[in-house]
Amino acid sequence: MKTAISAGLVCLVLVCASCASTGGAAASMGSASGSATATANGFGGEVTVSVTMADGYITAVTITAPGETPSMGGIAVARAPDIMIKNNTADIDALSGATVTTRAISTAAQAAIDQITAGQ
């Protein structure tokens, strides 16, 4: 019985490890450079995201969401910029308790990125 449990735990660890991020470098989005701003509807109103890119990489993200609840949507507003810059993408997982706000941030950020990359 102990052997079966140990084998099961080893398999679980291996499966989880294979799903983990490799920590590799974020992929470039071509040679896109510039800044753009876009807006999407969040839980408490409009969410505005400004994105700056240099040589295909996100270098700055600013989010304005005055209608979002500070203890919920405010967490997404605070955390999303670092996640987007680190991973070089607007596609971020919903942050717990702030699903609608996170989706609005991702949608607006992607629209801003699309504006920048369209001009390259």
C-alpha atoms as a PDB file:
ATOM      1  CA  MET A   1       0.000   0.000   0.000  1.00  0.00           C
ATOM      2  CA  LYS A   2       2.813   2.419   0.887  1.00  0.00           C
ATOM      3  CA  THR A   3       4.534   1.621  -2.411  1.00  0.00           C
ATOM      4  CA  ALA A   4       1.371   2.402  -4.375  1.00  0.00           C
ATOM      5  CA  ILE A   5       0.928   5.725  -2.557  1.00  0.00           C
ATOM      6  CA  SER A   6       4.589   6.621  -3.083  1.00  0.00           C
ATOM      7  CA  ALA A   7       4.377   5.743  -6.780  1.00  0.00           C
ATOM      8  CA  GLY A   8       1.227   7.847  -7.091  1.00  0.00           C
ATOM      9  CA  LEU A   9       2.896  10.834  -5.446  1.00  0.00           C
ATOM     10  CA  VAL A  10       5.933  10.526  -7.708  1.00  0.00           C
ATOM     11  CA  CYS A  11       3.673  10.495 -10.775  1.00  0.00           C
ATOM     12  CA  LEU A  12       1.762  13.525  -9.490  1.00  0.00           C
ATOM     13  CA  VAL A  13       4.987  15.452  -8.930  1.00  0.00           C
ATOM     14  CA  LEU A  14       6.237  14.573 -12.420  1.00  0.00           C
ATOM     15  CA  VAL A  15       2.952  15.624 -14.037  1.00  0.00           C
ATOM     16  CA  CYS A  16       2.939  18.926 -12.123  1.00  0.00           C
ATOM     17  CA  ALA A  17       6.570  19.576 -13.002  1.00  0.00           C
ATOM     18  CA  SER A  18       5.879  19.037 -16.682  1.00  0.00           C
ATOM     19  CA  CYS A  19       3.092  21.626 -16.556  1.00  0.00           C
ATOM     20  CA  ALA A  20       5.237  24.238 -14.844  1.00  0.00           C
ATOM     21  CA  SER A  21       6.625  27.202 -16.753  1.00  0.00           C
ATOM     22  CA  THR A  22      10.089  26.735 -18.127  1.00  0.00           C
ATOM     23  CA  GLY A  23      10.998  30.282 -17.244  1.00  0.00           C
ATOM     24  CA  GLY A  24      12.299  30.856 -20.763  1.00  0.00           C
ATOM     25  CA  ALA A  25      12.538  34.220 -22.422  1.00  0.00           C
ATOM     26  CA  ALA A  26       9.332  35.815 -23.649  1.00  0.00           C
ATOM     27  CA  ALA A  27       8.839  35.785 -27.417  1.00  0.00           C
ATOM     28  CA  SER A  28       9.273  39.037 -29.299  1.00  0.00           C
ATOM     29  CA  MET A  29       6.367  40.538 -31.251  1.00  0.00           C
ATOM     30  CA  GLY A  30       8.474  41.471 -34.250  1.00  0.00           C
ATOM     31  CA  SER A  31      10.031  44.912 -34.299  1.00  0.00           C
ATOM     32  CA  ALA A  32       6.975  46.773 -32.990  1.00  0.00           C
ATOM     33  CA  SER A  33       7.737  49.966 -31.101  1.00  0.00           C
ATOM     34  CA  GLY A  34       5.481  52.723 -29.857  1.00  0.00           C
ATOM     35  CA  SER A  35       2.669  53.432 -27.422  1.00  0.00           C
ATOM     36  CA  ALA A  36      -1.082  53.030 -27.611  1.00  0.00           C
ATOM     37  CA  THR A  37      -4.099  53.169 -25.331  1.00  0.00           C
ATOM     38  CA  ALA A  38      -7.349  51.189 -25.412  1.00  0.00           C
ATOM     39  CA  THR A  39     -10.400  50.765 -23.198  1.00  0.00           C
ATOM     40  CA  ALA A  40     -12.643  47.820 -22.246  1.00  0.00           C
ATOM     41  CA  ASN A  41     -15.542  47.390 -19.830  1.00  0.00           C
ATOM     42  CA  GLY A  42     -14.606  46.058 -16.410  1.00  0.00           C
ATOM     43  CA  PHE A  43     -16.741  45.132 -13.425  1.00  0.00           C
ATOM     44  CA  GLY A  44     -17.094  48.713 -12.176  1.00  0.00           C
ATOM     45  CA  GLY A  45     -16.841  50.610 -15.445  1.00  0.00           C
ATOM     46  CA  GLU A  46     -14.237  51.408 -18.054  1.00  0.00           C
ATOM     47  CA  VAL A  47     -10.695  50.060 -17.744  1.00  0.00           C
ATOM     48  CA  THR A  48      -8.086  51.949 -19.749  1.00  0.00           C
ATOM     49  CA  VAL A  49      -4.729  50.371 -20.539  1.00  0.00           C
ATOM     50  CA  SER A  50      -1.724  52.121 -22.062  1.00  0.00           C
ATOM     51  CA  VAL A  51       1.028  49.913 -23.462  1.00  0.00           C
ATOM     52  CA  THR A  52       4.521  50.920 -24.557  1.00  0.00           C
ATOM     53  CA  MET A  53       6.631  48.601 -26.676  1.00  0.00           C
ATOM     54  CA  ALA A  54      10.226  48.703 -27.912  1.00  0.00           C
ATOM     55  CA  ASP A  55      11.617  46.275 -30.492  1.00  0.00           C
ATOM     56  CA  GLY A  56       8.728  43.840 -30.031  1.00  0.00           C
ATOM     57  CA  TYR A  57       8.751  43.804 -26.239  1.00  0.00           C
ATOM     58  CA  ILE A  58       6.312  45.339 -23.774  1.00  0.00           C
ATOM     59  CA  THR A  59       8.283  47.835 -21.713  1.00  0.00           C
ATOM     60  CA  ALA A  60       5.525  49.610 -19.797  1.00  0.00           C
ATOM     61  CA  VAL A  61       1.862  49.099 -18.953  1.00  0.00           C
ATOM     62  CA  THR A  62      -0.317  51.649 -17.187  1.00  0.00           C
ATOM     63  CA  ILE A  63      -3.850  50.791 -16.104  1.00  0.00           C
ATOM     64  CA  THR A  64      -6.556  53.229 -15.044  1.00  0.00           C
ATOM     65  CA  ALA A  65      -9.692  51.686 -13.550  1.00  0.00           C
ATOM     66  CA  PRO A  66     -11.310  54.169 -11.169  1.00  0.00           C
ATOM     67  CA  GLY A  67     -14.582  52.226 -10.875  1.00  0.00           C
ATOM     68  CA  GLU A  68     -13.037  48.927  -9.826  1.00  0.00           C
ATOM     69  CA  THR A  69     -13.234  47.766  -6.210  1.00  0.00           C
ATOM     70  CA  PRO A  70      -9.797  48.404  -4.656  1.00  0.00           C
ATOM     71  CA  SER A  71      -9.750  45.112  -2.715  1.00  0.00           C
ATOM     72  CA  MET A  72     -10.676  43.022  -5.769  1.00  0.00           C
ATOM     73  CA  GLY A  73     -10.184  44.693  -9.159  1.00  0.00           C
ATOM     74  CA  GLY A  74      -7.480  46.881  -7.641  1.00  0.00           C
ATOM     75  CA  ILE A  75      -5.366  43.789  -7.123  1.00  0.00           C
ATOM     76  CA  ALA A  76      -5.573  42.977 -10.835  1.00  0.00           C
ATOM     77  CA  VAL A  77      -4.745  46.591 -11.704  1.00  0.00           C
ATOM     78  CA  ALA A  78      -1.661  46.426  -9.495  1.00  0.00           C
ATOM     79  CA  ARG A  79      -0.392  43.001 -10.596  1.00  0.00           C
ATOM     80  CA  ALA A  80      -1.213  42.848 -14.316  1.00  0.00           C
ATOM     81  CA  PRO A  81       1.465  45.264 -15.596  1.00  0.00           C
ATOM     82  CA  ASP A  82       4.355  43.235 -14.168  1.00  0.00           C
ATOM     83  CA  ILE A  83       2.871  39.982 -15.484  1.00  0.00           C
ATOM     84  CA  MET A  84       2.417  41.438 -18.982  1.00  0.00           C
ATOM     85  CA  ILE A  85       5.918  42.879 -19.085  1.00  0.00           C
ATOM     86  CA  LYS A  86       7.516  39.679 -17.764  1.00  0.00           C
ATOM     87  CA  ASN A  87       5.644  37.417 -20.216  1.00  0.00           C
ATOM     88  CA  ASN A  88       5.460  39.935 -23.082  1.00  0.00           C
ATOM     89  CA  THR A  89       1.771  39.300 -23.613  1.00  0.00           C
ATOM     90  CA  ALA A  90      -1.648  40.711 -22.814  1.00  0.00           C
ATOM     91  CA  ASP A  91      -2.915  37.171 -22.288  1.00  0.00           C
ATOM     92  CA  ILE A  92      -2.904  36.769 -18.519  1.00  0.00           C
ATOM     93  CA  ASP A  93      -4.784  34.357 -16.279  1.00  0.00           C
ATOM     94  CA  ALA A  94      -7.710  35.781 -14.348  1.00  0.00           C
ATOM     95  CA  LEU A  95      -6.655  36.887 -10.908  1.00  0.00           C
ATOM     96  CA  SER A  96      -8.810  35.375  -8.176  1.00  0.00           C
ATOM     97  CA  GLY A  97     -11.780  37.540  -7.276  1.00  0.00           C
ATOM     98  CA  ALA A  98     -11.163  39.879 -10.193  1.00  0.00           C
ATOM     99  CA  THR A  99     -12.073  37.819 -13.236  1.00  0.00           C
ATOM    100  CA  VAL A 100     -14.067  40.519 -15.027  1.00  0.00           C
ATOM    101  CA  THR A 101     -11.460  43.192 -14.346  1.00  0.00           C
ATOM    102  CA  THR A 102      -8.618  40.903 -15.464  1.00  0.00           C
ATOM    103  CA  ARG A 103     -10.425  40.117 -18.725  1.00  0.00           C
ATOM    104  CA  ALA A 104     -11.025  43.822 -19.337  1.00  0.00           C
ATOM    105  CA  ILE A 105      -7.344  44.556 -18.718  1.00  0.00           C
ATOM    106  CA  SER A 106      -6.278  41.788 -21.125  1.00  0.00           C
ATOM    107  CA  THR A 107      -8.760  42.892 -23.788  1.00  0.00           C
ATOM    108  CA  ALA A 108      -7.734  46.558 -23.626  1.00  0.00           C
ATOM    109  CA  ALA A 109      -4.020  45.686 -23.518  1.00  0.00           C
ATOM    110  CA  GLN A 110      -4.345  43.425 -26.556  1.00  0.00           C
ATOM    111  CA  ALA A 111      -6.185  46.165 -28.452  1.00  0.00           C
ATOM    112  CA  ALA A 112      -3.349  48.575 -27.622  1.00  0.00           C
ATOM    113  CA  ILE A 113      -0.738  46.016 -28.705  1.00  0.00           C
ATOM    114  CA  ASP A 114      -2.653  45.457 -31.957  1.00  0.00           C
ATOM    115  CA  GLN A 115      -2.528  49.203 -32.639  1.00  0.00           C
ATOM    116  CA  ILE A 116       1.237  49.241 -32.106  1.00  0.00           C
ATOM    117  CA  THR A 117       1.979  46.127 -34.146  1.00  0.00           C
ATOM    118  CA  ALA A 118      -0.244  47.317 -37.010  1.00  0.00           C
ATOM    119  CA  GLY A 119       2.074  50.293 -37.418  1.00  0.00           C
ATOM    120  CA  GLN A 120       5.334  48.335 -37.667  1.00  0.00           C
END
